[in-house]
Amino acid sequence: MIRLFAAIPLPEAMRERLSRLNGGVPGARWVAPENMHITLRFIGEVDEGRAQDIDAALDTVTAQPFPLTLSGLGNFGRGHRAHTLWVGVEKNPALHHLRDKVESAVVRAGLPAEERKYSPHITLARLKDTNSAKLGRFLEENGMFQDGPIMVERFCLYESILGRSGPVYHEVRSYPLGGWSPGGDEAGEE
């Protein structure tokens, strides 16, 4: 079995700027810069055959490149139950269009439709037993964070390998935006 998700990779410079936010929140397990991304669709565990079907379906996704800007910080969960600290993404119809195309491809490959509302973000940290006052202070001090725009020119299929120190993500395949490329082996290479 292989654990997969589709996401937009971030440029190294942006990941480095995001990593400068790391600190000041006791109980936070900060995401390594190389693992920062914008999830389009969490797929979960699938067998190799289904993974190939998903890859083939994602290879048919067509969308145009688009600019993307990060804006603001927030968290999922309330009070002492806060579990995720994130950086937001400015409202962007092109991002939602790409996400819808990816969702449609994954469903065509045989997976059930995602039932949760799409909320684009970059996870900065996972929280456990975090002091809500300190989290609130961190959000207040950094809430005006903004970065970008960056040009989104591809999305990727990632494998997630769970480990004791947190997940490690490996790019399985890259899909260029701007049109479909048959075979696609060289299309996503940089």
N, C-alpha and C. Protein backbone atom coordinates (compact mmCIF):
# COMPACT_ATOMS: atom_id res chain seq x y z
N MET A 1 0.85 -1.19 0.00
CA MET A 1 0.00 0.00 0.00
C MET A 1 0.89 1.25 0.00
N ILE A 2 0.38 2.27 -0.63
CA ILE A 2 1.10 3.53 -0.73
C ILE A 2 0.15 4.66 -0.33
N ARG A 3 0.63 5.60 0.48
CA ARG A 3 -0.20 6.71 0.98
C ARG A 3 0.09 7.94 0.12
N LEU A 4 -0.93 8.47 -0.55
CA LEU A 4 -0.74 9.52 -1.55
C LEU A 4 -1.56 10.77 -1.28
N PHE A 5 -1.09 11.89 -1.83
CA PHE A 5 -1.88 13.11 -1.91
C PHE A 5 -1.39 13.93 -3.10
N ALA A 6 -2.27 14.77 -3.63
CA ALA A 6 -1.92 15.68 -4.72
C ALA A 6 -1.79 17.08 -4.13
N ALA A 7 -0.74 17.81 -4.54
CA ALA A 7 -0.49 19.11 -3.93
C ALA A 7 0.32 20.02 -4.86
N ILE A 8 0.30 21.29 -4.52
CA ILE A 8 1.13 22.28 -5.20
C ILE A 8 2.41 22.44 -4.39
N PRO A 9 3.56 22.21 -5.04
CA PRO A 9 4.82 22.43 -4.32
C PRO A 9 5.09 23.93 -4.19
N LEU A 10 5.86 24.30 -3.20
CA LEU A 10 6.21 25.71 -2.99
C LEU A 10 7.67 25.94 -3.35
N PRO A 11 7.99 27.12 -3.88
CA PRO A 11 9.40 27.42 -4.15
C PRO A 11 10.21 27.42 -2.87
N GLU A 12 11.47 27.06 -2.97
CA GLU A 12 12.34 26.97 -1.81
C GLU A 12 12.39 28.28 -1.02
N ALA A 13 12.48 29.42 -1.72
CA ALA A 13 12.57 30.71 -1.03
C ALA A 13 11.33 30.96 -0.18
N MET A 14 10.15 30.58 -0.68
CA MET A 14 8.92 30.76 0.08
C MET A 14 8.90 29.83 1.29
N ARG A 15 9.33 28.60 1.11
CA ARG A 15 9.37 27.66 2.23
C ARG A 15 10.31 28.16 3.32
N GLU A 16 11.43 28.75 2.92
CA GLU A 16 12.37 29.30 3.90
C GLU A 16 11.75 30.47 4.67
N ARG A 17 11.04 31.34 3.96
CA ARG A 17 10.37 32.47 4.65
C ARG A 17 9.32 31.95 5.63
N LEU A 18 8.58 30.93 5.22
CA LEU A 18 7.58 30.34 6.11
C LEU A 18 8.24 29.71 7.34
N SER A 19 9.38 29.09 7.15
CA SER A 19 10.04 28.43 8.28
C SER A 19 10.54 29.43 9.32
N ARG A 20 10.69 30.70 8.94
CA ARG A 20 11.10 31.71 9.91
C ARG A 20 10.00 32.00 10.94
N LEU A 21 8.79 31.56 10.65
CA LEU A 21 7.69 31.72 11.61
C LEU A 21 7.76 30.68 12.72
N ASN A 22 8.54 29.64 12.51
CA ASN A 22 8.61 28.52 13.46
C ASN A 22 9.18 28.96 14.80
N GLY A 23 8.38 28.86 15.83
CA GLY A 23 8.83 29.16 17.18
C GLY A 23 7.80 29.98 17.94
N GLY A 24 7.89 29.93 19.25
CA GLY A 24 7.03 30.74 20.08
C GLY A 24 5.69 30.13 20.42
N VAL A 25 5.48 28.87 20.04
CA VAL A 25 4.23 28.19 20.37
C VAL A 25 4.58 26.86 21.04
N PRO A 26 4.57 26.82 22.37
CA PRO A 26 4.86 25.57 23.07
C PRO A 26 3.86 24.48 22.67
N GLY A 27 4.38 23.28 22.48
CA GLY A 27 3.52 22.16 22.08
C GLY A 27 3.34 22.05 20.58
N ALA A 28 3.98 22.93 19.81
CA ALA A 28 3.87 22.86 18.35
C ALA A 28 4.95 21.94 17.79
N ARG A 29 4.55 21.08 16.87
CA ARG A 29 5.49 20.26 16.12
C ARG A 29 5.56 20.87 14.72
N TRP A 30 6.63 21.62 14.46
CA TRP A 30 6.74 22.42 13.24
C TRP A 30 7.03 21.53 12.03
N VAL A 31 6.39 21.89 10.91
CA VAL A 31 6.59 21.16 9.66
C VAL A 31 7.93 21.56 9.07
N ALA A 32 8.70 20.58 8.63
CA ALA A 32 9.98 20.86 7.98
C ALA A 32 9.72 21.61 6.67
N PRO A 33 10.55 22.59 6.34
CA PRO A 33 10.32 23.37 5.11
C PRO A 33 10.14 22.50 3.87
N GLU A 34 10.90 21.42 3.75
CA GLU A 34 10.79 20.58 2.55
C GLU A 34 9.44 19.86 2.47
N ASN A 35 8.68 19.83 3.54
CA ASN A 35 7.36 19.18 3.54
C ASN A 35 6.21 20.17 3.35
N MET A 36 6.50 21.46 3.20
CA MET A 36 5.44 22.46 3.05
C MET A 36 4.88 22.44 1.62
N HIS A 37 3.56 22.49 1.53
CA HIS A 37 2.86 22.41 0.24
C HIS A 37 1.43 22.89 0.44
N ILE A 38 0.69 23.00 -0.66
CA ILE A 38 -0.75 23.29 -0.61
C ILE A 38 -1.47 22.06 -1.14
N THR A 39 -2.13 21.36 -0.25
CA THR A 39 -2.83 20.13 -0.66
C THR A 39 -4.00 20.46 -1.57
N LEU A 40 -4.11 19.70 -2.65
CA LEU A 40 -5.28 19.77 -3.53
C LEU A 40 -6.25 18.65 -3.21
N ARG A 41 -5.72 17.46 -2.90
CA ARG A 41 -6.58 16.31 -2.58
C ARG A 41 -5.78 15.28 -1.80
N PHE A 42 -6.21 14.98 -0.58
CA PHE A 42 -5.63 13.86 0.16
C PHE A 42 -6.26 12.60 -0.40
N ILE A 43 -5.45 11.64 -0.77
CA ILE A 43 -5.94 10.41 -1.40
C ILE A 43 -5.97 9.27 -0.38
N GLY A 44 -4.92 9.15 0.41
CA GLY A 44 -4.86 8.09 1.40
C GLY A 44 -4.15 6.86 0.87
N GLU A 45 -4.34 5.73 1.55
CA GLU A 45 -3.64 4.50 1.19
C GLU A 45 -4.36 3.79 0.05
N VAL A 46 -3.58 3.46 -0.98
CA VAL A 46 -4.09 2.72 -2.14
C VAL A 46 -3.06 1.68 -2.54
N ASP A 47 -3.50 0.67 -3.28
CA ASP A 47 -2.54 -0.31 -3.78
C ASP A 47 -1.86 0.23 -5.04
N GLU A 48 -0.83 -0.47 -5.50
CA GLU A 48 -0.04 0.00 -6.65
C GLU A 48 -0.90 0.17 -7.90
N GLY A 49 -1.84 -0.75 -8.13
CA GLY A 49 -2.71 -0.65 -9.31
C GLY A 49 -3.57 0.60 -9.27
N ARG A 50 -4.15 0.90 -8.12
CA ARG A 50 -4.97 2.10 -7.98
C ARG A 50 -4.09 3.35 -8.11
N ALA A 51 -2.87 3.29 -7.58
CA ALA A 51 -1.94 4.42 -7.70
C ALA A 51 -1.65 4.72 -9.17
N GLN A 52 -1.50 3.67 -9.99
CA GLN A 52 -1.28 3.87 -11.42
C GLN A 52 -2.51 4.48 -12.08
N ASP A 53 -3.70 4.05 -11.66
CA ASP A 53 -4.94 4.63 -12.19
C ASP A 53 -5.04 6.12 -11.83
N ILE A 54 -4.67 6.45 -10.61
CA ILE A 54 -4.71 7.85 -10.16
C ILE A 54 -3.71 8.68 -10.96
N ASP A 55 -2.50 8.16 -11.15
CA ASP A 55 -1.49 8.86 -11.94
C ASP A 55 -2.01 9.11 -13.36
N ALA A 56 -2.58 8.10 -13.99
CA ALA A 56 -3.10 8.25 -15.35
C ALA A 56 -4.21 9.30 -15.40
N ALA A 57 -5.09 9.29 -14.41
CA ALA A 57 -6.18 10.26 -14.37
C ALA A 57 -5.64 11.68 -14.16
N LEU A 58 -4.69 11.84 -13.24
CA LEU A 58 -4.11 13.17 -12.99
C LEU A 58 -3.36 13.69 -14.20
N ASP A 59 -2.82 12.80 -15.00
CA ASP A 59 -2.09 13.19 -16.20
C ASP A 59 -3.00 13.85 -17.23
N THR A 60 -4.31 13.67 -17.10
CA THR A 60 -5.25 14.29 -18.05
C THR A 60 -5.75 15.65 -17.58
N VAL A 61 -5.38 16.07 -16.38
CA VAL A 61 -5.84 17.35 -15.83
C VAL A 61 -5.22 18.50 -16.63
N THR A 62 -6.07 19.40 -17.10
CA THR A 62 -5.60 20.58 -17.81
C THR A 62 -6.08 21.83 -17.08
N ALA A 63 -5.17 22.75 -16.90
CA ALA A 63 -5.47 24.05 -16.29
C ALA A 63 -4.33 24.97 -16.66
N GLN A 64 -4.59 26.25 -16.61
CA GLN A 64 -3.57 27.24 -16.94
C GLN A 64 -2.77 27.61 -15.70
N PRO A 65 -1.48 27.97 -15.87
CA PRO A 65 -0.72 28.48 -14.74
C PRO A 65 -1.41 29.72 -14.16
N PHE A 66 -1.19 29.96 -12.87
CA PHE A 66 -1.84 31.09 -12.23
C PHE A 66 -1.01 31.59 -11.06
N PRO A 67 -1.18 32.88 -10.71
CA PRO A 67 -0.47 33.42 -9.55
C PRO A 67 -1.20 33.06 -8.25
N LEU A 68 -0.42 32.95 -7.18
CA LEU A 68 -0.97 32.57 -5.89
C LEU A 68 -0.26 33.38 -4.81
N THR A 69 -1.04 33.92 -3.87
CA THR A 69 -0.49 34.72 -2.78
C THR A 69 -0.92 34.13 -1.45
N LEU A 70 0.02 34.06 -0.51
CA LEU A 70 -0.28 33.60 0.84
C LEU A 70 -0.68 34.80 1.68
N SER A 71 -1.64 34.60 2.57
CA SER A 71 -2.12 35.73 3.37
C SER A 71 -2.74 35.25 4.68
N GLY A 72 -2.18 35.71 5.79
CA GLY A 72 -2.77 35.46 7.10
C GLY A 72 -2.43 34.11 7.69
N LEU A 73 -2.65 34.01 9.00
CA LEU A 73 -2.44 32.77 9.73
C LEU A 73 -3.73 32.42 10.47
N GLY A 74 -3.86 31.15 10.78
CA GLY A 74 -5.02 30.71 11.54
C GLY A 74 -4.77 29.33 12.10
N ASN A 75 -5.80 28.76 12.69
CA ASN A 75 -5.67 27.42 13.23
C ASN A 75 -6.99 26.66 13.08
N PHE A 76 -6.87 25.35 13.01
CA PHE A 76 -8.03 24.48 13.04
C PHE A 76 -8.17 23.98 14.47
N GLY A 77 -9.38 23.91 14.95
CA GLY A 77 -9.65 23.53 16.32
C GLY A 77 -9.74 24.78 17.18
N ARG A 78 -10.44 24.67 18.31
CA ARG A 78 -10.63 25.84 19.18
C ARG A 78 -10.02 25.62 20.55
N GLY A 79 -9.52 26.73 21.10
CA GLY A 79 -8.99 26.69 22.46
C GLY A 79 -7.93 25.64 22.64
N HIS A 80 -8.06 24.83 23.71
CA HIS A 80 -7.07 23.80 23.98
C HIS A 80 -7.16 22.63 22.99
N ARG A 81 -8.18 22.65 22.15
CA ARG A 81 -8.33 21.59 21.14
C ARG A 81 -7.77 22.00 19.77
N ALA A 82 -7.07 23.12 19.72
CA ALA A 82 -6.42 23.54 18.47
C ALA A 82 -5.45 22.44 18.07
N HIS A 83 -5.48 22.04 16.80
CA HIS A 83 -4.63 20.93 16.37
C HIS A 83 -3.74 21.25 15.18
N THR A 84 -4.02 22.33 14.45
CA THR A 84 -3.21 22.67 13.29
C THR A 84 -3.05 24.18 13.18
N LEU A 85 -1.81 24.63 13.01
CA LEU A 85 -1.50 26.04 12.75
C LEU A 85 -1.18 26.16 11.27
N TRP A 86 -1.81 27.12 10.59
CA TRP A 86 -1.65 27.22 9.14
C TRP A 86 -1.48 28.65 8.65
N VAL A 87 -0.94 28.74 7.42
CA VAL A 87 -0.89 29.99 6.66
C VAL A 87 -1.96 29.88 5.58
N GLY A 88 -2.74 30.94 5.42
CA GLY A 88 -3.82 30.92 4.45
C GLY A 88 -3.37 31.28 3.04
N VAL A 89 -4.28 31.04 2.11
CA VAL A 89 -4.08 31.36 0.70
C VAL A 89 -5.17 32.34 0.31
N GLU A 90 -4.78 33.46 -0.34
CA GLU A 90 -5.79 34.42 -0.78
C GLU A 90 -6.79 33.74 -1.72
N LYS A 91 -8.03 34.19 -1.66
CA LYS A 91 -9.08 33.64 -2.52
C LYS A 91 -8.61 33.67 -3.96
N ASN A 92 -8.79 32.53 -4.65
CA ASN A 92 -8.25 32.41 -5.99
C ASN A 92 -9.09 31.42 -6.79
N PRO A 93 -9.91 31.92 -7.73
CA PRO A 93 -10.75 31.01 -8.53
C PRO A 93 -9.94 29.99 -9.33
N ALA A 94 -8.75 30.35 -9.78
CA ALA A 94 -7.93 29.42 -10.56
C ALA A 94 -7.47 28.24 -9.70
N LEU A 95 -7.17 28.50 -8.44
CA LEU A 95 -6.79 27.42 -7.52
C LEU A 95 -7.96 26.47 -7.33
N HIS A 96 -9.14 27.01 -7.10
CA HIS A 96 -10.33 26.15 -6.91
C HIS A 96 -10.66 25.38 -8.19
N HIS A 97 -10.44 25.99 -9.34
CA HIS A 97 -10.65 25.30 -10.62
C HIS A 97 -9.71 24.10 -10.72
N LEU A 98 -8.42 24.31 -10.40
CA LEU A 98 -7.45 23.21 -10.43
C LEU A 98 -7.84 22.14 -9.43
N ARG A 99 -8.21 22.54 -8.23
CA ARG A 99 -8.61 21.56 -7.22
C ARG A 99 -9.81 20.74 -7.69
N ASP A 100 -10.78 21.39 -8.33
CA ASP A 100 -11.95 20.68 -8.85
C ASP A 100 -11.56 19.68 -9.93
N LYS A 101 -10.62 20.06 -10.79
CA LYS A 101 -10.15 19.16 -11.85
C LYS A 101 -9.43 17.95 -11.24
N VAL A 102 -8.61 18.19 -10.24
CA VAL A 102 -7.90 17.10 -9.56
C VAL A 102 -8.91 16.19 -8.86
N GLU A 103 -9.89 16.76 -8.19
CA GLU A 103 -10.92 15.97 -7.52
C GLU A 103 -11.66 15.09 -8.52
N SER A 104 -12.03 15.66 -9.65
CA SER A 104 -12.74 14.91 -10.68
C SER A 104 -11.88 13.75 -11.20
N ALA A 105 -10.60 13.99 -11.40
CA ALA A 105 -9.69 12.94 -11.88
C ALA A 105 -9.58 11.80 -10.87
N VAL A 106 -9.46 12.14 -9.59
CA VAL A 106 -9.32 11.13 -8.55
C VAL A 106 -10.60 10.29 -8.45
N VAL A 107 -11.75 10.92 -8.59
CA VAL A 107 -13.03 10.20 -8.57
C VAL A 107 -13.13 9.28 -9.79
N ARG A 108 -12.69 9.77 -10.97
CA ARG A 108 -12.69 8.93 -12.18
C ARG A 108 -11.79 7.71 -12.00
N ALA A 109 -10.76 7.85 -11.18
CA ALA A 109 -9.83 6.73 -10.92
C ALA A 109 -10.41 5.74 -9.91
N GLY A 110 -11.62 6.01 -9.40
CA GLY A 110 -12.30 5.04 -8.55
C GLY A 110 -12.38 5.36 -7.08
N LEU A 111 -11.92 6.53 -6.66
CA LEU A 111 -12.01 6.89 -5.25
C LEU A 111 -13.31 7.64 -4.98
N PRO A 112 -13.82 7.57 -3.74
CA PRO A 112 -15.02 8.34 -3.42
C PRO A 112 -14.71 9.83 -3.41
N ALA A 113 -15.75 10.63 -3.66
CA ALA A 113 -15.60 12.08 -3.65
C ALA A 113 -15.25 12.58 -2.25
N GLU A 114 -14.46 13.63 -2.19
CA GLU A 114 -14.12 14.28 -0.91
C GLU A 114 -15.37 15.00 -0.40
N GLU A 115 -15.72 14.76 0.84
CA GLU A 115 -16.92 15.37 1.40
C GLU A 115 -16.65 16.68 2.12
N ARG A 116 -15.40 16.88 2.56
CA ARG A 116 -15.06 18.11 3.28
C ARG A 116 -14.92 19.28 2.32
N LYS A 117 -15.29 20.47 2.79
CA LYS A 117 -15.12 21.68 2.00
C LYS A 117 -13.64 21.96 1.85
N TYR A 118 -13.24 22.39 0.65
CA TYR A 118 -11.83 22.67 0.39
C TYR A 118 -11.44 23.99 1.06
N SER A 119 -10.38 23.92 1.85
CA SER A 119 -9.87 25.08 2.57
C SER A 119 -8.36 25.17 2.33
N PRO A 120 -7.94 25.85 1.25
CA PRO A 120 -6.51 25.86 0.92
C PRO A 120 -5.66 26.54 1.98
N HIS A 121 -4.57 25.89 2.35
CA HIS A 121 -3.68 26.41 3.39
C HIS A 121 -2.36 25.65 3.33
N ILE A 122 -1.39 26.16 4.07
CA ILE A 122 -0.11 25.48 4.25
C ILE A 122 0.01 25.20 5.74
N THR A 123 0.15 23.94 6.10
CA THR A 123 0.31 23.59 7.50
C THR A 123 1.71 24.00 7.97
N LEU A 124 1.74 24.83 9.03
CA LEU A 124 3.01 25.24 9.64
C LEU A 124 3.38 24.31 10.79
N ALA A 125 2.38 23.90 11.57
CA ALA A 125 2.66 23.07 12.75
C ALA A 125 1.43 22.26 13.13
N ARG A 126 1.70 21.14 13.77
CA ARG A 126 0.65 20.35 14.39
C ARG A 126 0.72 20.65 15.88
N LEU A 127 -0.43 20.83 16.48
CA LEU A 127 -0.49 21.29 17.86
C LEU A 127 -1.03 20.19 18.77
N LYS A 128 -0.48 20.14 19.98
CA LYS A 128 -0.99 19.21 20.99
C LYS A 128 -0.81 19.87 22.34
N ASP A 129 -1.90 19.97 23.06
CA ASP A 129 -1.88 20.59 24.39
C ASP A 129 -1.22 21.97 24.36
N THR A 130 -1.54 22.74 23.36
CA THR A 130 -0.96 24.08 23.20
C THR A 130 -1.72 25.08 24.05
N ASN A 131 -0.98 25.93 24.72
CA ASN A 131 -1.56 27.00 25.53
C ASN A 131 -2.30 27.96 24.59
N SER A 132 -3.61 28.08 24.76
CA SER A 132 -4.41 28.89 23.83
C SER A 132 -4.03 30.36 23.89
N ALA A 133 -3.61 30.87 25.05
CA ALA A 133 -3.20 32.27 25.16
C ALA A 133 -1.93 32.51 24.34
N LYS A 134 -0.96 31.59 24.42
CA LYS A 134 0.28 31.75 23.66
C LYS A 134 0.03 31.59 22.16
N LEU A 135 -0.86 30.68 21.79
CA LEU A 135 -1.23 30.53 20.39
C LEU A 135 -1.89 31.80 19.90
N GLY A 136 -2.81 32.34 20.69
CA GLY A 136 -3.48 33.60 20.33
C GLY A 136 -2.50 34.74 20.14
N ARG A 137 -1.52 34.83 21.01
CA ARG A 137 -0.50 35.87 20.91
C ARG A 137 0.32 35.69 19.62
N PHE A 138 0.69 34.44 19.31
CA PHE A 138 1.44 34.15 18.10
C PHE A 138 0.65 34.57 16.86
N LEU A 139 -0.64 34.23 16.85
CA LEU A 139 -1.49 34.58 15.71
C LEU A 139 -1.64 36.10 15.59
N GLU A 140 -1.76 36.77 16.72
CA GLU A 140 -1.88 38.23 16.71
C GLU A 140 -0.60 38.88 16.18
N GLU A 141 0.54 38.39 16.60
CA GLU A 141 1.83 38.97 16.19
C GLU A 141 2.17 38.67 14.74
N ASN A 142 1.70 37.54 14.21
CA ASN A 142 2.07 37.13 12.84
C ASN A 142 0.90 37.09 11.87
N GLY A 143 -0.28 37.48 12.33
CA GLY A 143 -1.49 37.34 11.53
C GLY A 143 -1.51 38.10 10.23
N MET A 144 -0.68 39.13 10.10
CA MET A 144 -0.65 39.91 8.86
C MET A 144 0.35 39.35 7.85
N PHE A 145 0.88 38.15 8.12
CA PHE A 145 1.84 37.54 7.21
C PHE A 145 1.29 37.50 5.80
N GLN A 146 2.13 37.86 4.84
CA GLN A 146 1.77 37.78 3.43
C GLN A 146 3.02 37.45 2.64
N ASP A 147 2.88 36.65 1.60
CA ASP A 147 4.00 36.29 0.75
C ASP A 147 3.48 35.98 -0.64
N GLY A 148 4.30 36.31 -1.63
CA GLY A 148 3.92 36.04 -3.01
C GLY A 148 3.71 37.33 -3.74
N PRO A 149 3.19 37.27 -4.92
CA PRO A 149 2.66 36.05 -5.53
C PRO A 149 3.77 35.16 -6.10
N ILE A 150 3.42 33.88 -6.20
CA ILE A 150 4.24 32.93 -6.93
C ILE A 150 3.41 32.46 -8.12
N MET A 151 4.07 31.98 -9.15
CA MET A 151 3.35 31.43 -10.29
C MET A 151 3.27 29.92 -10.13
N VAL A 152 2.06 29.41 -10.08
CA VAL A 152 1.84 27.97 -9.99
C VAL A 152 1.86 27.42 -11.40
N GLU A 153 2.84 26.58 -11.69
CA GLU A 153 3.01 26.05 -13.04
C GLU A 153 2.90 24.53 -13.09
N ARG A 154 2.71 23.91 -11.91
CA ARG A 154 2.58 22.46 -11.86
C ARG A 154 1.95 22.06 -10.53
N PHE A 155 1.48 20.82 -10.50
CA PHE A 155 1.09 20.19 -9.24
C PHE A 155 1.72 18.81 -9.24
N CYS A 156 1.75 18.18 -8.09
CA CYS A 156 2.47 16.91 -7.96
C CYS A 156 1.65 15.87 -7.21
N LEU A 157 1.99 14.63 -7.46
CA LEU A 157 1.50 13.51 -6.68
C LEU A 157 2.62 13.16 -5.71
N TYR A 158 2.30 13.11 -4.42
CA TYR A 158 3.29 12.83 -3.38
C TYR A 158 2.94 11.53 -2.66
N GLU A 159 4.00 10.85 -2.22
CA GLU A 159 3.85 9.74 -1.31
C GLU A 159 4.17 10.25 0.09
N SER A 160 3.38 9.85 1.05
CA SER A 160 3.58 10.23 2.45
C SER A 160 3.99 8.99 3.22
N ILE A 161 5.19 9.05 3.80
CA ILE A 161 5.69 7.93 4.60
C ILE A 161 5.67 8.38 6.06
N LEU A 162 4.87 7.69 6.87
CA LEU A 162 4.74 8.05 8.27
C LEU A 162 5.90 7.50 9.07
N GLY A 163 6.42 8.34 9.98
CA GLY A 163 7.52 7.91 10.84
C GLY A 163 7.39 8.52 12.22
N ARG A 164 8.27 8.14 13.12
CA ARG A 164 8.21 8.62 14.50
C ARG A 164 8.38 10.13 14.60
N SER A 165 9.20 10.70 13.74
CA SER A 165 9.43 12.15 13.81
C SER A 165 8.50 12.91 12.88
N GLY A 166 7.46 12.26 12.39
CA GLY A 166 6.50 12.91 11.51
C GLY A 166 6.59 12.35 10.10
N PRO A 167 5.66 12.74 9.24
CA PRO A 167 5.66 12.21 7.88
C PRO A 167 6.79 12.80 7.04
N VAL A 168 7.21 12.01 6.06
CA VAL A 168 8.18 12.46 5.06
C VAL A 168 7.49 12.34 3.72
N TYR A 169 7.59 13.37 2.89
CA TYR A 169 6.90 13.39 1.61
C TYR A 169 7.91 13.24 0.47
N HIS A 170 7.56 12.39 -0.50
CA HIS A 170 8.38 12.18 -1.68
C HIS A 170 7.54 12.46 -2.91
N GLU A 171 8.06 13.28 -3.81
CA GLU A 171 7.36 13.55 -5.06
C GLU A 171 7.41 12.30 -5.93
N VAL A 172 6.22 11.83 -6.33
CA VAL A 172 6.11 10.66 -7.18
C VAL A 172 6.09 11.09 -8.64
N ARG A 173 5.34 12.15 -8.92
CA ARG A 173 5.15 12.59 -10.30
C ARG A 173 4.76 14.06 -10.31
N SER A 174 5.18 14.77 -11.34
CA SER A 174 4.85 16.18 -11.50
C SER A 174 4.00 16.34 -12.76
N TYR A 175 2.98 17.19 -12.68
CA TYR A 175 2.06 17.42 -13.79
C TYR A 175 2.10 18.90 -14.15
N PRO A 176 2.54 19.24 -15.35
CA PRO A 176 2.64 20.66 -15.72
C PRO A 176 1.26 21.26 -15.99
N LEU A 177 1.13 22.53 -15.68
CA LEU A 177 -0.08 23.26 -16.06
C LEU A 177 0.18 23.91 -17.42
N GLY A 178 -0.90 24.21 -18.11
CA GLY A 178 -0.75 24.84 -19.41
C GLY A 178 -1.13 23.92 -20.54
N GLY A 179 -1.49 22.71 -20.22
CA GLY A 179 -1.91 21.78 -21.25
C GLY A 179 -1.49 20.37 -20.93
N TRP A 180 -2.13 19.45 -21.60
CA TRP A 180 -1.87 18.04 -21.40
C TRP A 180 -0.67 17.62 -22.21
N SER A 181 0.17 16.78 -21.65
CA SER A 181 1.36 16.26 -22.32
C SER A 181 1.29 14.75 -22.32
N PRO A 182 1.06 14.12 -23.50
CA PRO A 182 0.94 12.67 -23.53
C PRO A 182 2.21 12.00 -22.99
N GLY A 183 2.01 11.00 -22.16
CA GLY A 183 3.14 10.29 -21.57
C GLY A 183 3.69 11.02 -20.37
N GLY A 184 3.91 12.29 -20.50
CA GLY A 184 4.25 13.18 -19.42
C GLY A 184 5.54 12.93 -18.66
N ASP A 185 6.39 11.97 -19.09
CA ASP A 185 7.57 11.67 -18.29
C ASP A 185 8.49 12.87 -18.10
N GLU A 186 8.70 13.64 -19.16
CA GLU A 186 9.61 14.78 -19.05
C GLU A 186 8.86 16.06 -18.71
N ALA A 187 7.56 16.06 -18.82
CA ALA A 187 6.78 17.30 -18.71
C ALA A 187 6.97 18.05 -17.43
N GLY A 188 7.07 17.35 -16.31
CA GLY A 188 7.14 18.05 -15.03
C GLY A 188 8.56 18.28 -14.55
N GLU A 189 9.56 17.85 -15.31
CA GLU A 189 10.93 18.02 -14.87
C GLU A 189 11.33 19.48 -14.93
N GLU A 190 12.15 19.90 -13.99
CA GLU A 190 12.62 21.28 -13.98
C GLU A 190 14.10 21.30 -14.18
